[in-house]
Amino acid sequence: MDGKKRSDVKPGIEVHVILKQDQRSGKKTHGVVKDLLTNSATHPHGIKVRLQDGQVGRVCEILSGK
């Protein structure tokens, strides 16, 4: 799944995100979702989340669901 629908993204799931500073390169960062920061039901660039390590980025790929 690509992480563009808020209903697919939940705290505790494993994801790949693209951090703000990595948007040009497209470098993916692996992590576990702590908080959802996007309020709308969908977002064309992916739902913005805070990872458990504090990094903030947009979900580009969901690896595992709970």
PDB file of N, CA and C in Angstrom:
ATOM      1  N   MET A   1       0.835  -1.187   0.000  1.00  0.00           N
ATOM      2  CA  MET A   1       0.000   0.000   0.000  1.00  0.00           C
ATOM      3  C   MET A   1       0.875   1.244   0.000  1.00  0.00           C
ATOM      4  N   ASP A   2       0.333   2.327  -0.521  1.00  0.00           N
ATOM      5  CA  ASP A   2       1.156   3.522  -0.722  1.00  0.00           C
ATOM      6  C   ASP A   2       1.023   4.585   0.368  1.00  0.00           C
ATOM      7  N   GLY A   3       0.099   4.447   1.312  1.00  0.00           N
ATOM      8  CA  GLY A   3       0.023   5.385   2.426  1.00  0.00           C
ATOM      9  C   GLY A   3      -0.635   6.711   2.118  1.00  0.00           C
ATOM     10  N   LYS A   4      -1.464   6.764   1.077  1.00  0.00           N
ATOM     11  CA  LYS A   4      -2.154   8.015   0.730  1.00  0.00           C
ATOM     12  C   LYS A   4      -3.514   8.137   1.408  1.00  0.00           C
ATOM     13  N   LYS A   5      -4.021   7.011   1.975  1.00  0.00           N
ATOM     14  CA  LYS A   5      -5.309   7.037   2.682  1.00  0.00           C
ATOM     15  C   LYS A   5      -5.057   6.971   4.189  1.00  0.00           C
ATOM     16  N   ARG A   6      -5.638   7.914   4.932  1.00  0.00           N
ATOM     17  CA  ARG A   6      -5.435   7.994   6.377  1.00  0.00           C
ATOM     18  C   ARG A   6      -5.922   6.729   7.079  1.00  0.00           C
ATOM     19  N   SER A   7      -6.968   6.107   6.550  1.00  0.00           N
ATOM     20  CA  SER A   7      -7.532   4.906   7.180  1.00  0.00           C
ATOM     21  C   SER A   7      -6.574   3.715   7.127  1.00  0.00           C
ATOM     22  N   ASP A   8      -5.597   3.740   6.211  1.00  0.00           N
ATOM     23  CA  ASP A   8      -4.615   2.649   6.099  1.00  0.00           C
ATOM     24  C   ASP A   8      -3.447   2.805   7.076  1.00  0.00           C
ATOM     25  N   VAL A   9      -3.255   4.024   7.580  1.00  0.00           N
ATOM     26  CA  VAL A   9      -2.087   4.333   8.420  1.00  0.00           C
ATOM     27  C   VAL A   9      -2.530   4.410   9.879  1.00  0.00           C
ATOM     28  N   LYS A  10      -1.895   3.600  10.735  1.00  0.00           N
ATOM     29  CA  LYS A  10      -2.253   3.562  12.148  1.00  0.00           C
ATOM     30  C   LYS A  10      -0.983   3.549  12.997  1.00  0.00           C
ATOM     31  N   PRO A  11      -1.045   4.090  14.213  1.00  0.00           N
ATOM     32  CA  PRO A  11       0.121   4.025  15.100  1.00  0.00           C
ATOM     33  C   PRO A  11       0.555   2.574  15.327  1.00  0.00           C
ATOM     34  N   GLY A  12       1.863   2.334  15.322  1.00  0.00           N
ATOM     35  CA  GLY A  12       2.397   1.006  15.572  1.00  0.00           C
ATOM     36  C   GLY A  12       2.748   0.223  14.323  1.00  0.00           C
ATOM     37  N   ILE A  13       2.342   0.706  13.126  1.00  0.00           N
ATOM     38  CA  ILE A  13       2.672  -0.036  11.908  1.00  0.00           C
ATOM     39  C   ILE A  13       4.050   0.391  11.387  1.00  0.00           C
ATOM     40  N   GLU A  14       4.678  -0.523  10.654  1.00  0.00           N
ATOM     41  CA  GLU A  14       5.983  -0.283  10.053  1.00  0.00           C
ATOM     42  C   GLU A  14       5.796   0.350   8.676  1.00  0.00           C
ATOM     43  N   VAL A  15       6.538   1.424   8.421  1.00  0.00           N
ATOM     44  CA  VAL A  15       6.382   2.149   7.159  1.00  0.00           C
ATOM     45  C   VAL A  15       7.733   2.627   6.629  1.00  0.00           C
ATOM     46  N   HIS A  16       7.727   3.018   5.362  1.00  0.00           N
ATOM     47  CA  HIS A  16       8.806   3.808   4.770  1.00  0.00           C
ATOM     48  C   HIS A  16       8.233   5.198   4.589  1.00  0.00           C
ATOM     49  N   VAL A  17       8.979   6.213   5.013  1.00  0.00           N
ATOM     50  CA  VAL A  17       8.559   7.599   4.819  1.00  0.00           C
ATOM     51  C   VAL A  17       9.637   8.331   4.036  1.00  0.00           C
ATOM     52  N   ILE A  18       9.226   9.456   3.437  1.00  0.00           N
ATOM     53  CA  ILE A  18      10.180  10.368   2.815  1.00  0.00           C
ATOM     54  C   ILE A  18      10.191  11.627   3.668  1.00  0.00           C
ATOM     55  N   LEU A  19      11.351  11.931   4.241  1.00  0.00           N
ATOM     56  CA  LEU A  19      11.504  13.110   5.079  1.00  0.00           C
ATOM     57  C   LEU A  19      11.545  14.357   4.203  1.00  0.00           C
ATOM     58  N   LYS A  20      11.232  15.521   4.792  1.00  0.00           N
ATOM     59  CA  LYS A  20      11.210  16.786   4.046  1.00  0.00           C
ATOM     60  C   LYS A  20      12.526  17.020   3.299  1.00  0.00           C
ATOM     61  N   GLN A  21      13.650  16.817   3.977  1.00  0.00           N
ATOM     62  CA  GLN A  21      14.951  17.080   3.350  1.00  0.00           C
ATOM     63  C   GLN A  21      15.302  16.061   2.267  1.00  0.00           C
ATOM     64  N   ASP A  22      14.577  14.940   2.212  1.00  0.00           N
ATOM     65  CA  ASP A  22      14.852  13.897   1.224  1.00  0.00           C
ATOM     66  C   ASP A  22      13.862  13.897   0.061  1.00  0.00           C
ATOM     67  N   GLN A  23      12.985  14.907  -0.012  1.00  0.00           N
ATOM     68  CA  GLN A  23      11.955  14.916  -1.059  1.00  0.00           C
ATOM     69  C   GLN A  23      12.559  14.955  -2.460  1.00  0.00           C
ATOM     70  N   ARG A  24      13.633  15.694  -2.646  1.00  0.00           N
ATOM     71  CA  ARG A  24      14.255  15.778  -3.976  1.00  0.00           C
ATOM     72  C   ARG A  24      14.876  14.451  -4.389  1.00  0.00           C
ATOM     73  N   SER A  25      15.574  13.802  -3.463  1.00  0.00           N
ATOM     74  CA  SER A  25      16.266  12.551  -3.789  1.00  0.00           C
ATOM     75  C   SER A  25      15.324  11.350  -3.751  1.00  0.00           C
ATOM     76  N   GLY A  26      14.250  11.434  -2.958  1.00  0.00           N
ATOM     77  CA  GLY A  26      13.323  10.316  -2.830  1.00  0.00           C
ATOM     78  C   GLY A  26      13.813   9.237  -1.874  1.00  0.00           C
ATOM     79  N   LYS A  27      14.849   9.558  -1.074  1.00  0.00           N
ATOM     80  CA  LYS A  27      15.412   8.598  -0.117  1.00  0.00           C
ATOM     81  C   LYS A  27      14.363   8.217   0.929  1.00  0.00           C
ATOM     82  N   LYS A  28      14.190   6.914   1.131  1.00  0.00           N
ATOM     83  CA  LYS A  28      13.196   6.409   2.069  1.00  0.00           C
ATOM     84  C   LYS A  28      13.826   6.154   3.435  1.00  0.00           C
ATOM     85  N   THR A  29      13.054   6.426   4.490  1.00  0.00           N
ATOM     86  CA  THR A  29      13.480   6.168   5.859  1.00  0.00           C
ATOM     87  C   THR A  29      12.508   5.169   6.469  1.00  0.00           C
ATOM     88  N   HIS A  30      13.042   4.144   7.111  1.00  0.00           N
ATOM     89  CA  HIS A  30      12.227   3.090   7.724  1.00  0.00           C
ATOM     90  C   HIS A  30      11.913   3.470   9.158  1.00  0.00           C
ATOM     91  N   GLY A  31      10.677   3.178   9.602  1.00  0.00           N
ATOM     92  CA  GLY A  31      10.330   3.460  10.990  1.00  0.00           C
ATOM     93  C   GLY A  31       8.959   2.937  11.357  1.00  0.00           C
ATOM     94  N   VAL A  32       8.590   3.182  12.614  1.00  0.00           N
ATOM     95  CA  VAL A  32       7.290   2.769  13.146  1.00  0.00           C
ATOM     96  C   VAL A  32       6.499   4.030  13.483  1.00  0.00           C
ATOM     97  N   VAL A  33       5.240   4.082  13.050  1.00  0.00           N
ATOM     98  CA  VAL A  33       4.395   5.261  13.236  1.00  0.00           C
ATOM     99  C   VAL A  33       4.074   5.466  14.714  1.00  0.00           C
ATOM    100  N   LYS A  34       4.261   6.715  15.175  1.00  0.00           N
ATOM    101  CA  LYS A  34       3.875   7.092  16.527  1.00  0.00           C
ATOM    102  C   LYS A  34       2.590   7.925  16.495  1.00  0.00           C
ATOM    103  N   ASP A  35       2.563   8.980  15.646  1.00  0.00           N
ATOM    104  CA  ASP A  35       1.407   9.884  15.540  1.00  0.00           C
ATOM    105  C   ASP A  35       1.091  10.164  14.088  1.00  0.00           C
ATOM    106  N   LEU A  36      -0.202  10.366  13.790  1.00  0.00           N
ATOM    107  CA  LEU A  36      -0.635  10.821  12.474  1.00  0.00           C
ATOM    108  C   LEU A  36      -0.776  12.333  12.535  1.00  0.00           C
ATOM    109  N   LEU A  37      -0.176  13.043  11.586  1.00  0.00           N
ATOM    110  CA  LEU A  37      -0.195  14.498  11.593  1.00  0.00           C
ATOM    111  C   LEU A  37      -1.125  15.083  10.534  1.00  0.00           C
ATOM    112  N   THR A  38      -1.507  14.305   9.530  1.00  0.00           N
ATOM    113  CA  THR A  38      -2.444  14.758   8.502  1.00  0.00           C
ATOM    114  C   THR A  38      -3.861  14.503   8.986  1.00  0.00           C
ATOM    115  N   ASN A  39      -4.710  15.543   8.917  1.00  0.00           N
ATOM    116  CA  ASN A  39      -6.099  15.408   9.379  1.00  0.00           C
ATOM    117  C   ASN A  39      -7.056  14.975   8.283  1.00  0.00           C
ATOM    118  N   SER A  40      -6.737  15.264   7.016  1.00  0.00           N
ATOM    119  CA  SER A  40      -7.650  14.919   5.927  1.00  0.00           C
ATOM    120  C   SER A  40      -7.637  13.413   5.658  1.00  0.00           C
ATOM    121  N   ALA A  41      -8.688  12.910   5.016  1.00  0.00           N
ATOM    122  CA  ALA A  41      -8.843  11.473   4.767  1.00  0.00           C
ATOM    123  C   ALA A  41      -7.799  10.939   3.785  1.00  0.00           C
ATOM    124  N   THR A  42      -7.376  11.776   2.846  1.00  0.00           N
ATOM    125  CA  THR A  42      -6.362  11.369   1.871  1.00  0.00           C
ATOM    126  C   THR A  42      -5.402  12.530   1.640  1.00  0.00           C
ATOM    127  N   HIS A  43      -4.238  12.204   1.088  1.00  0.00           N
ATOM    128  CA  HIS A  43      -3.280  13.236   0.681  1.00  0.00           C
ATOM    129  C   HIS A  43      -2.496  12.693  -0.503  1.00  0.00           C
ATOM    130  N   PRO A  44      -2.372  13.482  -1.579  1.00  0.00           N
ATOM    131  CA  PRO A  44      -1.717  12.984  -2.797  1.00  0.00           C
ATOM    132  C   PRO A  44      -0.246  12.612  -2.636  1.00  0.00           C
ATOM    133  N   HIS A  45       0.442  13.182  -1.637  1.00  0.00           N
ATOM    134  CA  HIS A  45       1.862  12.883  -1.434  1.00  0.00           C
ATOM    135  C   HIS A  45       2.096  11.916  -0.279  1.00  0.00           C
ATOM    136  N   GLY A  46       1.026  11.439   0.342  1.00  0.00           N
ATOM    137  CA  GLY A  46       1.148  10.514   1.466  1.00  0.00           C
ATOM    138  C   GLY A  46       0.777  11.182   2.779  1.00  0.00           C
ATOM    139  N   ILE A  47       0.314  10.392   3.717  1.00  0.00           N
ATOM    140  CA  ILE A  47      -0.090  10.888   5.032  1.00  0.00           C
ATOM    141  C   ILE A  47       1.165  11.251   5.826  1.00  0.00           C
ATOM    142  N   LYS A  48       1.141  12.449   6.428  1.00  0.00           N
ATOM    143  CA  LYS A  48       2.298  12.884   7.232  1.00  0.00           C
ATOM    144  C   LYS A  48       2.208  12.256   8.612  1.00  0.00           C
ATOM    145  N   VAL A  49       3.320  11.676   9.052  1.00  0.00           N
ATOM    146  CA  VAL A  49       3.369  10.987  10.348  1.00  0.00           C
ATOM    147  C   VAL A  49       4.629  11.367  11.114  1.00  0.00           C
ATOM    148  N   ARG A  50       4.573  11.147  12.436  1.00  0.00           N
ATOM    149  CA  ARG A  50       5.768  11.233  13.283  1.00  0.00           C
ATOM    150  C   ARG A  50       6.151   9.814  13.630  1.00  0.00           C
ATOM    151  N   LEU A  51       7.403   9.470  13.388  1.00  0.00           N
ATOM    152  CA  LEU A  51       7.891   8.136  13.716  1.00  0.00           C
ATOM    153  C   LEU A  51       8.250   8.073  15.203  1.00  0.00           C
ATOM    154  N   GLN A  52       8.437   6.865  15.721  1.00  0.00           N
ATOM    155  CA  GLN A  52       8.756   6.689  17.136  1.00  0.00           C
ATOM    156  C   GLN A  52      10.076   7.349  17.520  1.00  0.00           C
ATOM    157  N   ASP A  53      10.982   7.536  16.557  1.00  0.00           N
ATOM    158  CA  ASP A  53      12.254   8.200  16.862  1.00  0.00           C
ATOM    159  C   ASP A  53      12.170   9.725  16.732  1.00  0.00           C
ATOM    160  N   GLY A  54      10.961  10.245  16.428  1.00  0.00           N
ATOM    161  CA  GLY A  54      10.741  11.692  16.379  1.00  0.00           C
ATOM    162  C   GLY A  54      10.812  12.311  15.000  1.00  0.00           C
ATOM    163  N   GLN A  55      11.265  11.563  13.993  1.00  0.00           N
ATOM    164  CA  GLN A  55      11.342  12.106  12.638  1.00  0.00           C
ATOM    165  C   GLN A  55       9.941  12.243  12.042  1.00  0.00           C
ATOM    166  N   VAL A  56       9.759  13.270  11.196  1.00  0.00           N
ATOM    167  CA  VAL A  56       8.474  13.532  10.562  1.00  0.00           C
ATOM    168  C   VAL A  56       8.631  13.407   9.053  1.00  0.00           C
ATOM    169  N   GLY A  57       7.710  12.670   8.429  1.00  0.00           N
ATOM    170  CA  GLY A  57       7.748  12.511   6.977  1.00  0.00           C
ATOM    171  C   GLY A  57       6.418  12.012   6.457  1.00  0.00           C
ATOM    172  N   ARG A  58       6.342  11.885   5.134  1.00  0.00           N
ATOM    173  CA  ARG A  58       5.123  11.405   4.485  1.00  0.00           C
ATOM    174  C   ARG A  58       5.283   9.928   4.117  1.00  0.00           C
ATOM    175  N   VAL A  59       4.262   9.140   4.435  1.00  0.00           N
ATOM    176  CA  VAL A  59       4.299   7.698   4.171  1.00  0.00           C
ATOM    177  C   VAL A  59       4.294   7.452   2.669  1.00  0.00           C
ATOM    178  N   CYS A  60       5.277   6.685   2.192  1.00  0.00           N
ATOM    179  CA  CYS A  60       5.319   6.314   0.785  1.00  0.00           C
ATOM    180  C   CYS A  60       5.037   4.830   0.601  1.00  0.00           C
ATOM    181  N   GLU A  61       5.191   4.056   1.683  1.00  0.00           N
ATOM    182  CA  GLU A  61       4.958   2.612   1.591  1.00  0.00           C
ATOM    183  C   GLU A  61       4.637   2.055   2.979  1.00  0.00           C
ATOM    184  N   ILE A  62       3.600   1.224   3.050  1.00  0.00           N
ATOM    185  CA  ILE A  62       3.248   0.554   4.310  1.00  0.00           C
ATOM    186  C   ILE A  62       3.811  -0.854   4.248  1.00  0.00           C
ATOM    187  N   LEU A  63       4.636  -1.219   5.237  1.00  0.00           N
ATOM    188  CA  LEU A  63       5.316  -2.518   5.225  1.00  0.00           C
ATOM    189  C   LEU A  63       4.538  -3.577   5.984  1.00  0.00           C
ATOM    190  N   SER A  64       3.969  -3.218   7.141  1.00  0.00           N
ATOM    191  CA  SER A  64       3.201  -4.196   7.903  1.00  0.00           C
ATOM    192  C   SER A  64       2.080  -3.503   8.660  1.00  0.00           C
ATOM    193  N   GLY A  65       0.935  -4.157   8.774  1.00  0.00           N
ATOM    194  CA  GLY A  65      -0.191  -3.590   9.502  1.00  0.00           C
ATOM    195  C   GLY A  65      -0.431  -4.327  10.786  1.00  0.00           C
ATOM    196  N   LYS A  66      -1.062  -3.658  11.739  1.00  0.00           N
ATOM    197  CA  LYS A  66      -1.377  -4.290  13.015  1.00  0.00           C
ATOM    198  C   LYS A  66      -2.823  -4.657  13.065  1.00  0.00           C
TER     199      LYS A  66
END
